[in-house]
Structures are given as C-alpha cells and as structure tokens.
C-alpha atoms as a PDB file:
ATOM      1  CA  GLN A   1       0.000   0.000   0.000  1.00  0.00           C
ATOM      2  CA  VAL A   2       3.029   2.271   0.353  1.00  0.00           C
ATOM      3  CA  GLN A   3       5.868   2.602  -2.103  1.00  0.00           C
ATOM      4  CA  LEU A   4       9.140   4.417  -1.487  1.00  0.00           C
ATOM      5  CA  VAL A   5      11.292   5.619  -4.363  1.00  0.00           C
ATOM      6  CA  GLU A   6      14.787   6.997  -3.803  1.00  0.00           C
ATOM      7  CA  SER A   7      16.705   9.252  -6.145  1.00  0.00           C
ATOM      8  CA  GLY A   8      19.798  11.430  -6.192  1.00  0.00           C
ATOM      9  CA  GLY A   9      22.597   8.921  -5.788  1.00  0.00           C
ATOM     10  CA  GLY A  10      25.740   9.070  -7.851  1.00  0.00           C
ATOM     11  CA  LEU A  11      29.503   9.467  -7.932  1.00  0.00           C
ATOM     12  CA  VAL A  12      31.142  12.391  -6.150  1.00  0.00           C
ATOM     13  CA  GLN A  13      34.646  13.343  -5.077  1.00  0.00           C
ATOM     14  CA  PRO A  14      35.669  13.481  -1.423  1.00  0.00           C
ATOM     15  CA  GLY A  15      34.498  16.745   0.085  1.00  0.00           C
ATOM     16  CA  GLY A  16      31.637  16.993  -2.356  1.00  0.00           C
ATOM     17  CA  SER A  17      27.914  17.128  -1.747  1.00  0.00           C
ATOM     18  CA  LEU A  18      24.886  15.143  -2.778  1.00  0.00           C
ATOM     19  CA  ARG A  19      21.197  15.289  -1.959  1.00  0.00           C
ATOM     20  CA  LEU A  20      19.035  12.198  -1.787  1.00  0.00           C
ATOM     21  CA  SER A  21      15.267  12.229  -2.053  1.00  0.00           C
ATOM     22  CA  CYS A  22      12.666   9.655  -1.115  1.00  0.00           C
ATOM     23  CA  ALA A  23       9.023  10.022  -2.029  1.00  0.00           C
ATOM     24  CA  ALA A  24       6.256   7.955  -0.474  1.00  0.00           C
ATOM     25  CA  SER A  25       3.163   7.159  -2.484  1.00  0.00           C
ATOM     26  CA  GLY A  26       0.003   5.151  -2.052  1.00  0.00           C
ATOM     27  CA  ASN A  27      -3.362   5.454  -0.387  1.00  0.00           C
ATOM     28  CA  GLY A  28      -4.726   5.352   3.103  1.00  0.00           C
ATOM     29  CA  PHE A  29      -1.579   5.991   5.084  1.00  0.00           C
ATOM     30  CA  SER A  30       0.040   8.566   7.299  1.00  0.00           C
ATOM     31  CA  ILE A  31       3.699   8.959   8.144  1.00  0.00           C
ATOM     32  CA  ASN A  32       5.019   8.460  11.638  1.00  0.00           C
ATOM     33  CA  ALA A  33       8.694   8.727  10.791  1.00  0.00           C
ATOM     34  CA  MET A  34      11.088   8.352   7.887  1.00  0.00           C
ATOM     35  CA  GLY A  35      14.790   7.883   7.646  1.00  0.00           C
ATOM     36  CA  TRP A  36      17.860   6.810   5.775  1.00  0.00           C
ATOM     37  CA  TYR A  37      19.999   3.723   6.212  1.00  0.00           C
ATOM     38  CA  ARG A  38      23.065   2.588   4.338  1.00  0.00           C
ATOM     39  CA  GLN A  39      24.877  -0.637   3.627  1.00  0.00           C
ATOM     40  CA  ALA A  40      28.420  -0.997   2.352  1.00  0.00           C
ATOM     41  CA  PRO A  41      29.696  -4.242   0.804  1.00  0.00           C
ATOM     42  CA  GLY A  42      30.415  -6.809   3.480  1.00  0.00           C
ATOM     43  CA  LYS A  43      28.855  -4.718   6.221  1.00  0.00           C
ATOM     44  CA  GLU A  44      25.532  -4.652   7.998  1.00  0.00           C
ATOM     45  CA  ARG A  45      22.930  -2.056   7.218  1.00  0.00           C
ATOM     46  CA  GLU A  46      23.243   0.905   9.575  1.00  0.00           C
ATOM     47  CA  LEU A  47      21.124   3.878  10.502  1.00  0.00           C
ATOM     48  CA  VAL A  48      22.162   7.209   9.029  1.00  0.00           C
ATOM     49  CA  ALA A  49      19.415   9.607  10.077  1.00  0.00           C
ATOM     50  CA  THR A  50      15.742   9.648  10.996  1.00  0.00           C
ATOM     51  CA  ILE A  51      13.062  12.297  11.270  1.00  0.00           C
ATOM     52  CA  THR A  52       9.599  12.147  12.776  1.00  0.00           C
ATOM     53  CA  ILE A  53       6.534  13.746  11.255  1.00  0.00           C
ATOM     54  CA  GLY A  54       6.924  16.479  13.859  1.00  0.00           C
ATOM     55  CA  GLY A  55      10.493  17.202  12.799  1.00  0.00           C
ATOM     56  CA  PHE A  56      12.544  15.544  15.530  1.00  0.00           C
ATOM     57  CA  THR A  57      15.812  14.243  14.104  1.00  0.00           C
ATOM     58  CA  ASN A  58      18.418  11.672  15.001  1.00  0.00           C
ATOM     59  CA  TYR A  59      21.820  11.091  13.385  1.00  0.00           C
ATOM     60  CA  ALA A  60      24.528   8.503  13.473  1.00  0.00           C
ATOM     61  CA  ASP A  61      27.673   9.856  15.104  1.00  0.00           C
ATOM     62  CA  SER A  62      29.625   9.312  11.903  1.00  0.00           C
ATOM     63  CA  VAL A  63      27.508  11.802   9.949  1.00  0.00           C
ATOM     64  CA  LYS A  64      26.700  14.451  12.553  1.00  0.00           C
ATOM     65  CA  GLY A  65      27.602  17.895  11.324  1.00  0.00           C
ATOM     66  CA  ARG A  66      27.846  16.721   7.722  1.00  0.00           C
ATOM     67  CA  PHE A  67      24.440  15.303   6.842  1.00  0.00           C
ATOM     68  CA  THR A  68      21.045  16.929   7.287  1.00  0.00           C
ATOM     69  CA  ILE A  69      17.729  15.129   7.085  1.00  0.00           C
ATOM     70  CA  SER A  70      14.579  17.071   6.293  1.00  0.00           C
ATOM     71  CA  ARG A  71      11.060  16.449   5.112  1.00  0.00           C
ATOM     72  CA  ASP A  72       8.185  17.977   3.213  1.00  0.00           C
ATOM     73  CA  ASN A  73       5.057  16.578   4.796  1.00  0.00           C
ATOM     74  CA  ALA A  74       2.780  17.845   2.043  1.00  0.00           C
ATOM     75  CA  LYS A  75       4.857  16.075  -0.595  1.00  0.00           C
ATOM     76  CA  LYS A  76       5.412  13.006   1.607  1.00  0.00           C
ATOM     77  CA  THR A  77       9.090  13.275   0.814  1.00  0.00           C
ATOM     78  CA  VAL A  78      12.215  13.006   2.927  1.00  0.00           C
ATOM     79  CA  TYR A  79      15.613  14.370   1.930  1.00  0.00           C
ATOM     80  CA  LEU A  80      19.186  13.740   2.960  1.00  0.00           C
ATOM     81  CA  GLN A  81      21.643  16.536   2.280  1.00  0.00           C
ATOM     82  CA  MET A  82      25.126  15.049   2.342  1.00  0.00           C
ATOM     83  CA  ASN A  83      28.061  17.442   2.644  1.00  0.00           C
ATOM     84  CA  SER A  84      31.786  16.929   3.153  1.00  0.00           C
ATOM     85  CA  LEU A  85      31.470  13.423   1.808  1.00  0.00           C
ATOM     86  CA  LYS A  86      34.145  10.868   2.633  1.00  0.00           C
ATOM     87  CA  PRO A  87      35.076   7.592   0.924  1.00  0.00           C
ATOM     88  CA  GLU A  88      33.721   5.843   4.017  1.00  0.00           C
ATOM     89  CA  ASP A  89      30.266   7.149   3.087  1.00  0.00           C
ATOM     90  CA  THR A  90      30.231   4.927   0.007  1.00  0.00           C
ATOM     91  CA  ALA A  91      27.251   2.599   0.285  1.00  0.00           C
ATOM     92  CA  VAL A  92      23.804   1.819  -0.970  1.00  0.00           C
ATOM     93  CA  TYR A  93      21.444   4.201   0.769  1.00  0.00           C
ATOM     94  CA  TYR A  94      17.963   2.991   1.603  1.00  0.00           C
ATOM     95  CA  CYS A  95      14.928   5.039   2.453  1.00  0.00           C
ATOM     96  CA  ASN A  96      12.810   3.721   5.307  1.00  0.00           C
ATOM     97  CA  GLY A  97       9.494   4.736   6.727  1.00  0.00           C
ATOM     98  CA  VAL A  98       7.175   3.864   9.579  1.00  0.00           C
ATOM     99  CA  PHE A  99       3.595   4.319   8.450  1.00  0.00           C
ATOM    100  CA  SER A 100       0.118   4.031   9.898  1.00  0.00           C
ATOM    101  CA  VAL A 101      -1.856   2.233   7.231  1.00  0.00           C
ATOM    102  CA  ALA A 102      -5.643   2.390   7.287  1.00  0.00           C
ATOM    103  CA  LEU A 103      -7.319  -0.857   8.347  1.00  0.00           C
ATOM    104  CA  VAL A 104      -3.919  -2.496   8.747  1.00  0.00           C
ATOM    105  CA  GLY A 105      -1.898  -0.764  11.428  1.00  0.00           C
ATOM    106  CA  VAL A 106       1.689   0.315  11.762  1.00  0.00           C
ATOM    107  CA  ARG A 107       4.007  -1.001   9.059  1.00  0.00           C
ATOM    108  CA  VAL A 108       7.590  -0.457   7.964  1.00  0.00           C
ATOM    109  CA  TYR A 109       8.487  -0.037   4.293  1.00  0.00           C
ATOM    110  CA  TRP A 110      11.804   0.176   2.488  1.00  0.00           C
ATOM    111  CA  GLY A 111      12.876   1.688  -0.787  1.00  0.00           C
ATOM    112  CA  GLN A 112      14.958  -0.120  -3.374  1.00  0.00           C
ATOM    113  CA  GLY A 113      18.153   1.752  -2.552  1.00  0.00           C
ATOM    114  CA  THR A 114      20.366   4.192  -4.402  1.00  0.00           C
ATOM    115  CA  GLN A 115      24.136   3.935  -4.808  1.00  0.00           C
ATOM    116  CA  VAL A 116      26.379   6.652  -3.417  1.00  0.00           C
ATOM    117  CA  THR A 117      30.044   6.415  -4.331  1.00  0.00           C
ATOM    118  CA  VAL A 118      32.648   8.815  -2.951  1.00  0.00           C
ATOM    119  CA  SER A 119      35.967   8.436  -4.722  1.00  0.00           C
ATOM    120  CA  SER A 120      38.812  10.481  -6.142  1.00  0.00           C
END
C-alpha cells in the first residue's frame, strides 16, 4: 500500500555534496517517521538519520555535522543533504518509513536503494 522511491545517488569526489530524495506514495496511510539507512559491501545495514513527522531528528555519530535530514510533509518526501562526503560514506542508501496504514496498522516499508560512491 506504500511505495518508497529513492533518487539522487551518484559518484562524487571526497568533500563533495549530494542530496538524496525519497518520495512515499500510495493510499490510506500517514507517516510516523522516515529515515535513511546505508549498507556498504560486506557490512551490515546501519542507521544514518531519521526524522519524525513532527520534525525531531536523530543522526549517526559518523555523519553528525555533515548530513542533514529534512522532510516535506505535504509532498510526503524526505531528503538527505550530504556534505563533506568521505570515501567511508560509500554505500547503498535505503529510504525507510514507519507508516500508519488504514485498516492495517503500523508497518515499515523500504525503498529499493540508491548507490552513493565517494571516490577520487
């Protein structure tokens, strides 16, 4: 009932910037929270940043001061502004959301992922 589509990934040099977007679509749902996770080859998926519908944010220590998560509630879209990128940020970034779905309840959905590569 809810689909998440990420966009904005790509190849950037160290120190560069990139902005990821994730749009939620469907019917009969409301957003409780959305966030971004990432997974590098051979590593477990880890939390990057989350934001509640009210605007409360949480960041992984590794990205604090460099990444900013934001949302447009009307557009049902969450963004991740990534600045001062490092090679260690290279990963597939996944959009995640916690939704209240009508007649179903609370459910978690994931996007398909978008590749971010930071390399010189």
